[in-house]
N, C-alpha and C. Protein backbone atom coordinates (compact mmCIF):
# COMPACT_ATOMS: atom_id res chain seq x y z
N MET A 1 0.74 -1.37 -0.20
CA MET A 1 0.12 0.08 0.01
C MET A 1 0.52 1.47 -0.18
N GLY A 2 0.82 2.13 -1.11
CA GLY A 2 1.62 3.41 -0.87
C GLY A 2 0.55 4.22 -0.10
N GLY A 3 1.34 5.37 -0.02
CA GLY A 3 0.64 6.25 0.67
C GLY A 3 1.36 7.99 0.74
N LEU A 4 0.78 8.97 0.57
CA LEU A 4 0.72 10.17 -0.01
C LEU A 4 0.39 11.02 1.68
N ARG A 5 1.19 12.13 1.83
CA ARG A 5 0.90 13.06 2.78
C ARG A 5 0.37 14.38 2.06
N CYS A 6 -0.61 14.68 1.74
CA CYS A 6 -1.19 15.83 1.02
C CYS A 6 -0.92 17.20 1.71
N VAL A 7 -1.30 18.25 0.75
CA VAL A 7 -0.97 19.56 1.06
C VAL A 7 -1.95 20.06 2.32
N ASP A 8 -2.85 19.45 2.14
CA ASP A 8 -4.18 19.84 3.16
C ASP A 8 -4.09 19.09 4.33
N GLY A 9 -3.04 18.18 4.49
CA GLY A 9 -2.68 17.51 5.76
C GLY A 9 -3.20 16.21 5.82
N SER A 10 -4.01 15.95 5.20
CA SER A 10 -4.99 14.39 5.03
C SER A 10 -3.69 13.57 4.29
N TYR A 11 -4.12 12.17 4.55
CA TYR A 11 -3.12 11.02 4.39
C TYR A 11 -3.97 10.39 3.15
N LEU A 12 -3.31 9.98 1.87
CA LEU A 12 -4.06 9.47 1.04
C LEU A 12 -3.21 8.35 0.66
N THR A 13 -4.37 6.96 0.82
CA THR A 13 -3.60 5.58 0.68
C THR A 13 -3.98 5.05 -0.51
N VAL A 14 -3.07 4.52 -1.26
CA VAL A 14 -3.73 3.66 -2.29
C VAL A 14 -3.17 2.49 -2.48
N THR A 15 -4.07 1.61 -2.59
CA THR A 15 -3.92 0.02 -2.26
C THR A 15 -4.37 -0.96 -3.58
N PRO A 16 -3.07 -1.31 -4.19
CA PRO A 16 -3.59 -2.17 -5.35
C PRO A 16 -4.39 -3.26 -5.02
N VAL A 17 -5.34 -3.87 -5.88
CA VAL A 17 -6.32 -4.84 -5.44
C VAL A 17 -6.22 -5.56 -6.94
N ALA A 18 -6.06 -6.80 -7.01
CA ALA A 18 -6.05 -7.56 -7.86
C ALA A 18 -7.20 -7.63 -8.67
N CYS A 19 -7.30 -7.76 -10.15
CA CYS A 19 -8.34 -7.94 -10.76
C CYS A 19 -8.16 -9.80 -11.28
N VAL A 20 -9.21 -10.07 -11.23
CA VAL A 20 -9.17 -11.70 -11.65
C VAL A 20 -10.22 -12.34 -12.64
N ASP A 21 -9.77 -13.16 -13.36
CA ASP A 21 -10.48 -13.60 -14.58
C ASP A 21 -11.67 -14.42 -14.01
N SER A 22 -12.15 -15.15 -14.81
CA SER A 22 -13.52 -16.10 -14.59
C SER A 22 -13.10 -17.41 -13.67
N VAL A 23 -11.68 -17.82 -13.79
CA VAL A 23 -11.36 -18.85 -12.84
C VAL A 23 -10.48 -18.41 -11.35
N GLY A 24 -10.50 -17.23 -11.21
CA GLY A 24 -9.94 -16.59 -10.27
C GLY A 24 -8.74 -16.16 -10.21
N THR A 25 -8.26 -15.96 -11.55
CA THR A 25 -6.60 -16.04 -11.56
C THR A 25 -6.39 -14.29 -11.42
N PRO A 26 -5.84 -14.14 -11.02
CA PRO A 26 -5.23 -12.54 -10.91
C PRO A 26 -4.27 -12.13 -12.45
N TYR A 27 -4.78 -10.95 -13.21
CA TYR A 27 -4.12 -10.78 -14.27
C TYR A 27 -3.78 -9.42 -14.26
N GLU A 28 -4.67 -8.55 -13.25
CA GLU A 28 -4.00 -7.03 -13.34
C GLU A 28 -4.46 -6.53 -12.23
N VAL A 29 -4.29 -5.04 -11.97
CA VAL A 29 -4.83 -4.55 -10.68
C VAL A 29 -5.78 -3.16 -11.14
N THR A 30 -6.36 -2.79 -9.94
CA THR A 30 -7.21 -1.74 -9.71
C THR A 30 -6.65 -1.16 -8.55
N LEU A 31 -6.96 0.34 -8.54
CA LEU A 31 -6.09 1.31 -7.30
C LEU A 31 -7.41 1.56 -6.56
N GLU A 32 -7.02 1.05 -5.50
CA GLU A 32 -8.39 1.38 -4.16
C GLU A 32 -7.81 3.04 -3.36
N LEU A 33 -8.66 3.94 -3.40
CA LEU A 33 -7.85 5.29 -2.93
C LEU A 33 -8.84 5.29 -1.39
N HIS A 34 -8.00 5.71 -0.36
CA HIS A 34 -8.77 6.14 0.90
C HIS A 34 -8.28 7.25 1.38
N ARG A 35 -8.85 8.11 1.79
CA ARG A 35 -8.49 9.54 2.50
C ARG A 35 -8.65 9.33 3.95
N ASP A 36 -7.55 9.74 4.65
CA ASP A 36 -7.47 9.14 6.12
C ASP A 36 -8.26 8.27 6.38
N GLY A 37 -8.21 7.03 6.16
CA GLY A 37 -8.71 5.92 6.48
C GLY A 37 -10.51 5.56 5.91
N THR A 38 -10.71 6.58 5.38
CA THR A 38 -11.89 6.68 4.68
C THR A 38 -12.23 6.26 2.95
N PRO A 39 -12.73 5.45 2.62
CA PRO A 39 -13.00 5.18 0.99
C PRO A 39 -13.18 6.28 0.35
N TYR A 40 -12.25 6.45 -0.91
CA TYR A 40 -12.39 7.87 -1.66
C TYR A 40 -12.48 7.42 -3.21
N GLY A 41 -12.57 5.83 -3.20
CA GLY A 41 -12.42 5.85 -4.80
C GLY A 41 -12.00 4.59 -5.17
N SER A 42 -12.24 4.20 -6.64
CA SER A 42 -11.58 3.17 -7.07
C SER A 42 -11.21 3.42 -8.46
N VAL A 43 -9.83 3.15 -8.82
CA VAL A 43 -9.60 3.97 -10.09
C VAL A 43 -8.44 3.13 -10.74
N GLY A 44 -7.92 3.37 -11.85
CA GLY A 44 -6.87 2.96 -13.00
C GLY A 44 -7.36 1.22 -13.30
N GLU A 45 -8.46 0.83 -13.21
CA GLU A 45 -8.80 -0.62 -13.85
C GLU A 45 -7.57 -1.06 -14.84
N ARG A 46 -6.95 -2.08 -14.19
CA ARG A 46 -5.81 -2.87 -15.33
C ARG A 46 -4.55 -1.84 -15.72
N CYS A 47 -4.33 -0.74 -14.68
CA CYS A 47 -3.16 -0.04 -14.44
C CYS A 47 -1.81 -0.47 -14.25
N GLY A 48 -1.60 -1.85 -13.92
CA GLY A 48 -0.06 -2.07 -13.22
C GLY A 48 0.76 -2.11 -14.47
N TRP A 49 0.54 -2.62 -15.45
CA TRP A 49 1.45 -2.46 -16.71
C TRP A 49 1.94 -0.76 -16.68
N PHE A 50 0.94 0.07 -16.94
CA PHE A 50 1.23 1.55 -16.75
C PHE A 50 2.24 1.90 -15.62
N LEU A 51 2.01 1.62 -14.32
CA LEU A 51 2.64 1.98 -13.38
C LEU A 51 4.23 1.64 -13.41
N ALA A 52 4.63 0.23 -14.05
CA ALA A 52 5.79 -0.44 -14.44
C ALA A 52 6.23 0.32 -15.22
N ARG A 53 5.80 1.00 -16.53
CA ARG A 53 6.35 1.67 -17.31
C ARG A 53 7.01 3.04 -16.64
N LEU A 54 5.80 3.44 -16.01
CA LEU A 54 6.18 5.23 -15.47
C LEU A 54 7.47 4.87 -14.43
N ALA A 55 7.38 3.57 -13.54
CA ALA A 55 8.81 3.51 -12.54
C ALA A 55 9.82 3.44 -13.44
N ARG A 56 10.21 2.50 -14.56
CA ARG A 56 11.11 3.15 -15.53
C ARG A 56 11.30 4.21 -15.90
N GLY A 57 10.42 4.67 -16.31
CA GLY A 57 10.54 6.10 -17.10
C GLY A 57 11.16 7.42 -15.90
N VAL A 58 10.66 7.29 -14.81
CA VAL A 58 11.22 8.13 -13.77
C VAL A 58 12.54 7.85 -13.23
N GLU A 59 13.06 6.31 -13.24
CA GLU A 59 14.29 6.25 -12.70
C GLU A 59 15.38 6.38 -14.08
N GLU A 60 14.86 6.42 -15.38
CA GLU A 60 15.72 6.88 -16.27
C GLU A 60 15.98 8.21 -16.01
N ALA A 61 15.13 9.02 -16.12
CA ALA A 61 15.02 10.67 -15.99
C ALA A 61 16.16 10.93 -14.97
N ARG A 62 15.64 10.39 -13.97
CA ARG A 62 16.49 10.82 -12.49
C ARG A 62 17.90 10.31 -12.91
N ALA A 63 18.61 9.32 -13.69
CA ALA A 63 19.54 9.25 -14.14
C ALA A 63 20.08 10.07 -15.13
N GLY A 64 19.18 10.88 -15.62
CA GLY A 64 19.83 12.10 -16.61
C GLY A 64 19.63 11.72 -17.97
N ARG A 65 18.83 10.75 -18.28
CA ARG A 65 18.66 10.23 -19.99
C ARG A 65 17.58 11.10 -20.47
N GLY A 66 17.73 11.39 -21.77
CA GLY A 66 16.52 11.85 -22.61
C GLY A 66 16.64 13.30 -22.30
N ALA A 67 15.64 14.06 -22.38
CA ALA A 67 15.14 15.59 -22.02
C ALA A 67 15.54 15.94 -20.59
N ALA A 68 15.22 14.69 -19.83
CA ALA A 68 15.90 15.11 -18.34
C ALA A 68 16.99 15.38 -17.63
N ARG A 69 17.78 15.32 -18.92
CA ARG A 69 19.42 15.66 -18.51
C ARG A 69 19.68 17.14 -18.35
N ASN A 70 18.17 17.98 -19.14
CA ASN A 70 18.88 19.52 -18.89
C ASN A 70 18.20 20.17 -17.56
N TRP A 71 18.15 19.24 -16.76
CA TRP A 71 17.85 19.82 -15.03
C TRP A 71 19.05 19.20 -14.45
N ALA A 72 19.52 20.36 -13.51
CA ALA A 72 20.39 19.96 -13.08
C ALA A 72 20.38 19.19 -11.57
N ASP A 73 19.33 19.37 -11.05
CA ASP A 73 18.96 18.67 -9.86
C ASP A 73 17.95 17.47 -10.43
N PRO A 74 18.67 16.07 -9.56
CA PRO A 74 17.87 14.68 -10.23
C PRO A 74 16.17 15.45 -9.49
N ASP A 75 16.05 15.85 -8.48
CA ASP A 75 14.54 15.80 -8.24
C ASP A 75 13.77 16.45 -8.73
N ASP A 76 13.82 17.15 -9.95
CA ASP A 76 13.56 18.18 -10.97
C ASP A 76 13.40 17.27 -12.40
N ARG A 77 13.73 16.13 -12.44
CA ARG A 77 13.66 15.50 -13.44
C ARG A 77 12.92 14.08 -13.38
N PHE A 78 11.98 14.43 -14.52
CA PHE A 78 11.03 13.24 -14.74
C PHE A 78 10.69 12.84 -16.20
N PRO A 79 10.21 12.07 -16.36
CA PRO A 79 9.89 11.51 -17.67
C PRO A 79 9.02 12.31 -18.31
N GLY A 80 9.38 12.71 -19.99
CA GLY A 80 8.60 13.36 -20.71
C GLY A 80 9.35 14.38 -21.71
N ASN A 81 9.07 15.17 -22.56
CA ASN A 81 9.36 16.32 -23.47
C ASN A 81 9.43 17.21 -22.65
N GLY A 82 8.08 17.71 -22.87
CA GLY A 82 7.83 19.15 -22.59
C GLY A 82 7.93 19.20 -20.84
N PRO A 83 8.00 20.70 -20.67
CA PRO A 83 8.05 21.36 -19.26
C PRO A 83 7.10 20.80 -18.33
N ASP A 84 5.70 21.11 -19.09
CA ASP A 84 4.54 20.32 -18.02
C ASP A 84 3.92 19.10 -18.92
N GLY A 85 3.48 18.64 -18.02
CA GLY A 85 2.79 17.33 -19.11
C GLY A 85 2.05 16.41 -17.63
N GLU A 86 1.16 15.39 -18.51
CA GLU A 86 0.64 14.66 -17.30
C GLU A 86 1.22 13.20 -17.69
N LEU A 87 1.55 12.62 -16.32
CA LEU A 87 2.36 11.37 -16.08
C LEU A 87 1.46 10.50 -16.26
N PHE A 88 0.06 10.39 -15.46
CA PHE A 88 -0.91 9.64 -15.64
C PHE A 88 -2.19 10.17 -15.25
N SER A 89 -3.58 9.33 -15.62
CA SER A 89 -4.50 9.96 -15.18
C SER A 89 -5.30 8.43 -15.32
N PHE A 90 -5.66 8.37 -13.83
CA PHE A 90 -6.63 7.04 -13.81
C PHE A 90 -7.61 7.36 -13.39
N ARG A 91 -8.96 6.95 -13.92
CA ARG A 91 -10.31 7.26 -13.61
C ARG A 91 -11.03 6.06 -13.37
N TYR A 92 -12.40 6.14 -13.09
CA TYR A 92 -13.27 5.07 -12.94
C TYR A 92 -14.77 5.60 -13.47
N ARG A 93 -15.40 5.23 -14.20
CA ARG A 93 -16.83 5.68 -14.69
C ARG A 93 -17.54 4.45 -14.45
N THR A 94 -19.04 4.35 -13.49
CA THR A 94 -19.90 3.53 -13.58
C THR A 94 -19.96 2.85 -14.84
N ARG A 95 -21.22 2.04 -15.03
CA ARG A 95 -21.63 1.75 -16.52
C ARG A 95 -22.65 3.01 -16.74
N HIS A 96 -22.91 3.53 -16.11
CA HIS A 96 -24.18 4.64 -16.79
C HIS A 96 -23.26 6.01 -16.90
N GLY A 97 -21.81 5.98 -16.97
CA GLY A 97 -21.16 7.04 -16.96
C GLY A 97 -20.86 7.82 -16.37
N LEU A 98 -21.05 7.52 -14.98
CA LEU A 98 -21.22 8.60 -13.65
C LEU A 98 -19.56 8.48 -13.44
N PRO A 99 -19.11 9.37 -12.64
CA PRO A 99 -17.69 9.43 -12.14
C PRO A 99 -17.69 8.53 -11.02
N GLY A 100 -16.76 8.14 -10.70
CA GLY A 100 -16.28 7.18 -9.50
C GLY A 100 -14.81 7.46 -8.71
N GLY A 101 -14.21 8.42 -9.30
CA GLY A 101 -12.94 8.48 -8.61
C GLY A 101 -11.88 8.56 -9.79
N GLU A 102 -10.79 9.72 -9.17
CA GLU A 102 -9.97 9.89 -10.22
C GLU A 102 -8.47 9.83 -9.49
N LEU A 103 -7.50 9.71 -10.02
CA LEU A 103 -5.98 9.79 -9.73
C LEU A 103 -4.81 9.96 -11.02
N ARG A 104 -4.76 11.36 -10.61
CA ARG A 104 -3.86 11.84 -11.69
C ARG A 104 -2.32 12.26 -11.28
N CYS A 105 -1.53 12.44 -12.02
CA CYS A 105 -0.48 13.10 -11.71
C CYS A 105 -0.02 14.02 -12.84
N GLN A 106 0.58 15.29 -12.84
CA GLN A 106 0.79 16.24 -13.53
C GLN A 106 1.69 16.92 -13.63
N LEU A 107 3.07 17.16 -13.99
CA LEU A 107 4.11 18.20 -13.93
C LEU A 107 4.10 19.30 -13.80
N ARG A 108 4.27 20.29 -12.97
CA ARG A 108 4.41 21.45 -13.04
C ARG A 108 5.69 22.15 -12.93
N THR A 109 6.27 23.03 -13.61
CA THR A 109 7.52 23.90 -13.66
C THR A 109 7.21 25.31 -12.57
N ILE A 110 7.79 25.20 -11.59
CA ILE A 110 7.72 26.35 -10.34
C ILE A 110 9.02 27.37 -10.36
N PRO A 111 8.55 28.66 -10.38
CA PRO A 111 10.03 29.49 -10.22
C PRO A 111 10.09 29.56 -8.82
N VAL A 112 11.27 29.50 -8.69
CA VAL A 112 11.34 29.73 -6.72
C VAL A 112 12.99 30.92 -6.87
N TRP A 113 12.43 32.12 -6.24
CA TRP A 113 13.46 32.88 -5.99
C TRP A 113 14.31 32.59 -5.09
N GLN A 114 15.54 32.79 -5.49
CA GLN A 114 16.94 32.79 -4.84
C GLN A 114 17.01 34.05 -4.00
N ALA A 115 16.94 34.58 -3.25
CA ALA A 115 17.16 35.66 -2.41
C ALA A 115 18.54 35.91 -2.55
N GLY A 116 19.18 34.99 -2.10
CA GLY A 116 20.87 35.12 -1.83
C GLY A 116 21.66 35.57 -3.29
N ARG A 117 21.06 34.90 -3.93
CA ARG A 117 21.86 34.98 -5.58
C ARG A 117 21.14 36.07 -6.48
N GLY A 118 20.07 36.33 -5.98
CA GLY A 118 19.06 37.79 -6.61
C GLY A 118 18.50 37.03 -7.94
N GLU A 119 17.81 35.71 -8.27
CA GLU A 119 17.73 35.29 -9.42
C GLU A 119 16.54 34.21 -9.13
N TRP A 120 15.88 33.61 -10.30
CA TRP A 120 14.75 32.89 -10.12
C TRP A 120 15.69 31.35 -10.18
N ARG A 121 14.94 30.14 -9.69
CA ARG A 121 15.57 28.97 -9.84
C ARG A 121 14.34 28.11 -10.16
N LEU A 122 14.43 27.28 -11.66
CA LEU A 122 13.16 26.95 -12.01
C LEU A 122 13.40 25.24 -11.24
N THR A 123 11.82 24.91 -10.45
CA THR A 123 12.26 23.35 -10.18
C THR A 123 11.12 22.84 -11.04
N ARG A 124 10.99 21.48 -10.85
CA ARG A 124 9.54 20.89 -11.46
C ARG A 124 9.05 19.70 -10.36
N ARG A 125 8.03 19.52 -10.44
CA ARG A 125 7.26 18.76 -9.46
C ARG A 125 6.45 18.22 -9.50
N ALA A 126 5.98 16.88 -9.41
CA ALA A 126 4.71 15.98 -9.81
C ALA A 126 3.82 16.54 -8.58
N TYR A 127 2.69 17.05 -9.17
CA TYR A 127 0.97 17.16 -8.82
C TYR A 127 0.52 15.73 -8.67
N VAL A 128 0.24 15.27 -7.71
CA VAL A 128 -0.80 13.82 -7.50
C VAL A 128 -1.81 14.53 -6.95
N GLU A 129 -3.06 14.17 -7.71
CA GLU A 129 -4.61 14.74 -7.39
C GLU A 129 -5.22 13.32 -7.18
N ALA A 130 -5.65 13.41 -6.73
CA ALA A 130 -7.14 12.15 -5.82
C ALA A 130 -8.39 13.16 -5.67
N TRP A 131 -9.39 12.64 -6.74
CA TRP A 131 -10.50 13.18 -6.73
C TRP A 131 -11.77 12.10 -6.09
N ALA A 132 -12.40 12.13 -5.34
CA ALA A 132 -13.32 10.93 -4.62
C ALA A 132 -14.91 11.86 -5.75
N ALA A 133 -15.88 10.60 -6.20
CA ALA A 133 -16.84 10.59 -6.35
C ALA A 133 -17.68 11.97 -6.48
N SER A 134 -17.48 12.51 -5.02
CA SER A 134 -18.38 13.50 -4.75
C SER A 134 -17.99 14.71 -5.38
N GLY A 135 -16.65 14.42 -5.94
CA GLY A 135 -15.90 15.80 -6.44
C GLY A 135 -14.92 16.80 -5.54
N VAL A 136 -14.79 15.89 -4.30
CA VAL A 136 -13.58 16.74 -3.39
C VAL A 136 -12.36 16.00 -3.54
N GLY A 137 -11.43 17.14 -3.82
CA GLY A 137 -10.04 16.56 -4.26
C GLY A 137 -8.99 16.95 -3.10
N THR A 138 -7.92 16.14 -3.25
CA THR A 138 -6.60 16.60 -2.60
C THR A 138 -5.73 16.54 -3.47
N ARG A 139 -4.40 17.01 -2.98
CA ARG A 139 -3.38 17.03 -3.82
C ARG A 139 -1.95 16.85 -2.63
N ALA A 140 -1.22 16.12 -3.14
CA ALA A 140 0.57 15.91 -2.94
C ALA A 140 1.65 16.51 -3.79
N VAL A 141 2.36 17.12 -3.61
CA VAL A 141 3.32 17.61 -4.17
C VAL A 141 4.62 16.66 -4.14
N LEU A 142 4.99 16.14 -5.07
CA LEU A 142 6.11 15.45 -5.11
C LEU A 142 7.56 15.52 -5.89
N THR A 143 8.72 15.50 -5.42
CA THR A 143 10.08 15.66 -6.12
C THR A 143 10.11 14.23 -7.20
N SER A 144 10.86 13.93 -7.88
CA SER A 144 11.25 12.89 -8.98
C SER A 144 11.30 11.78 -7.73
N SER A 145 12.12 12.05 -6.79
CA SER A 145 12.23 10.78 -5.65
C SER A 145 11.49 10.67 -5.24
N GLU A 146 10.59 11.17 -4.78
CA GLU A 146 9.44 11.03 -3.87
C GLU A 146 8.52 10.07 -4.58
N LEU A 147 8.22 10.46 -6.05
CA LEU A 147 7.21 9.73 -6.94
C LEU A 147 8.01 8.49 -7.08
N SER A 148 9.30 8.40 -7.34
CA SER A 148 9.72 7.06 -7.56
C SER A 148 9.38 6.19 -6.46
N ALA A 149 9.83 6.48 -5.33
CA ALA A 149 9.59 5.73 -4.14
C ALA A 149 8.15 5.50 -3.93
N PHE A 150 7.22 6.21 -4.42
CA PHE A 150 5.31 5.82 -4.35
C PHE A 150 5.17 4.83 -5.37
N VAL A 151 5.70 4.94 -6.69
CA VAL A 151 5.01 4.16 -7.44
C VAL A 151 5.97 2.70 -7.23
N ARG A 152 7.12 2.56 -6.84
CA ARG A 152 7.89 1.45 -6.52
C ARG A 152 7.23 0.97 -5.40
N GLU A 153 6.70 1.59 -4.56
CA GLU A 153 6.03 0.97 -3.31
C GLU A 153 4.77 0.31 -4.01
N LEU A 154 3.53 1.01 -4.75
CA LEU A 154 2.79 0.81 -5.19
C LEU A 154 2.94 -0.66 -5.94
N LEU A 155 4.03 -0.71 -6.96
CA LEU A 155 4.30 -1.49 -7.79
C LEU A 155 4.88 -3.05 -7.04
N HIS A 156 5.42 -2.86 -5.98
CA HIS A 156 5.79 -3.84 -5.09
C HIS A 156 4.38 -4.70 -4.44
N GLU A 157 3.53 -3.82 -4.14
CA GLU A 157 2.21 -4.30 -3.30
C GLU A 157 1.41 -5.04 -4.40
N ALA A 158 1.44 -4.78 -5.69
CA ALA A 158 0.69 -5.04 -6.79
C ALA A 158 1.25 -6.22 -7.24
N GLU A 159 2.62 -6.29 -7.45
CA GLU A 159 3.16 -7.84 -7.61
C GLU A 159 2.77 -8.74 -6.51
N ARG A 160 2.62 -8.38 -5.37
CA ARG A 160 2.56 -9.04 -4.13
C ARG A 160 0.97 -9.51 -4.25
N CYS A 161 0.16 -9.11 -4.45
CA CYS A 161 -1.39 -8.99 -4.73
C CYS A 161 -1.49 -10.12 -5.85
N MET A 162 -0.76 -10.29 -6.58
CA MET A 162 -0.79 -10.84 -8.02
C MET A 162 -0.23 -12.23 -7.80
N ALA A 163 0.25 -12.58 -6.55
CA ALA A 163 0.81 -13.72 -6.43
C ALA A 163 2.60 -13.69 -7.01
N GLY A 164 3.09 -12.91 -7.03
CA GLY A 164 4.34 -12.94 -7.69
C GLY A 164 4.69 -12.18 -8.95
N ARG A 165 3.64 -12.08 -9.85
CA ARG A 165 3.46 -11.86 -11.16
C ARG A 165 3.93 -10.41 -11.43
N ASP A 166 4.72 -10.16 -12.52
CA ASP A 166 5.33 -8.67 -12.89
C ASP A 166 4.19 -8.34 -13.76
N MET A 167 4.28 -6.92 -13.54
CA MET A 167 3.42 -6.15 -14.26
C MET A 167 4.09 -5.79 -15.55
N VAL A 168 3.82 -6.46 -16.67
CA VAL A 168 4.05 -6.34 -17.86
C VAL A 168 2.96 -5.76 -18.83
N ARG A 169 3.21 -5.08 -20.19
CA ARG A 169 2.36 -5.38 -21.11
C ARG A 169 2.37 -6.36 -22.04
N ASN A 170 1.01 -7.18 -22.59
CA ASN A 170 1.07 -8.17 -23.18
C ASN A 170 0.93 -7.31 -24.85
N ARG A 171 2.09 -7.71 -25.36
CA ARG A 171 2.21 -7.15 -26.90
C ARG A 171 1.90 -7.87 -27.90
N GLY A 172 1.07 -9.40 -27.63
CA GLY A 172 0.71 -9.98 -28.34
C GLY A 172 -0.90 -9.07 -28.92
N ASP A 173 -1.61 -8.75 -27.94
CA ASP A 173 -3.04 -8.26 -28.60
C ASP A 173 -3.18 -6.71 -28.09
N GLY A 174 -2.09 -6.05 -27.22
CA GLY A 174 -2.17 -5.12 -26.51
C GLY A 174 -2.98 -4.88 -25.32
N ALA A 175 -3.48 -6.15 -24.64
CA ALA A 175 -3.99 -6.20 -23.85
C ALA A 175 -3.15 -6.22 -22.37
N CYS A 176 -3.36 -5.34 -21.22
CA CYS A 176 -2.34 -5.61 -20.05
C CYS A 176 -2.61 -6.93 -19.10
N THR A 177 -1.68 -7.39 -19.04
CA THR A 177 -1.58 -8.73 -18.31
C THR A 177 -0.50 -8.88 -17.24
N GLY A 178 -0.75 -10.06 -16.53
CA GLY A 178 0.67 -10.13 -15.59
C GLY A 178 1.21 -11.49 -16.15
N VAL A 179 2.55 -11.61 -16.24
CA VAL A 179 3.23 -12.73 -16.71
C VAL A 179 4.15 -13.22 -15.71
N SER A 180 4.08 -14.73 -15.89
CA SER A 180 4.96 -15.10 -14.82
C SER A 180 6.29 -14.96 -14.67
N ARG A 181 7.04 -14.75 -13.74
CA ARG A 181 8.55 -14.64 -13.91
C ARG A 181 9.25 -15.92 -14.23
């Protein structure tokens, strides 16, 4: 179970829950959200492969690969080419199209005044926002190191609830699935 301290002081818990097929075999995960212990939503059906891809992308960016090498501080390095962008957006909608929650992560570039130097320094942060079906939202602001730790923790829990299966993309038909190690 991954968790984040939000800017409003609340604590968002994100727990991977296995999706199972008709014979009870886990094949992917959905994320259950709780805010301060109260159910907050269910999002991201079959999102495990995407989380695995994001974890690799954040690690590569922190190592200075691709466009991320333009940022001197590893905590400002995130995957993606643009200065701001969405890293993920997991939603849930009922069969009738009603919203059932959302968990999204968007990058933002923030200028910070360096008084001692008399200049601006640009930083990048990941804004992880969760929205309940009721429309109430909360936000956590993370460095790339904190985002990496959060996503890795989710992946560890996802693989545990999937009986040790890795979260990967099935290239054969484009479906998301767990593949045995």
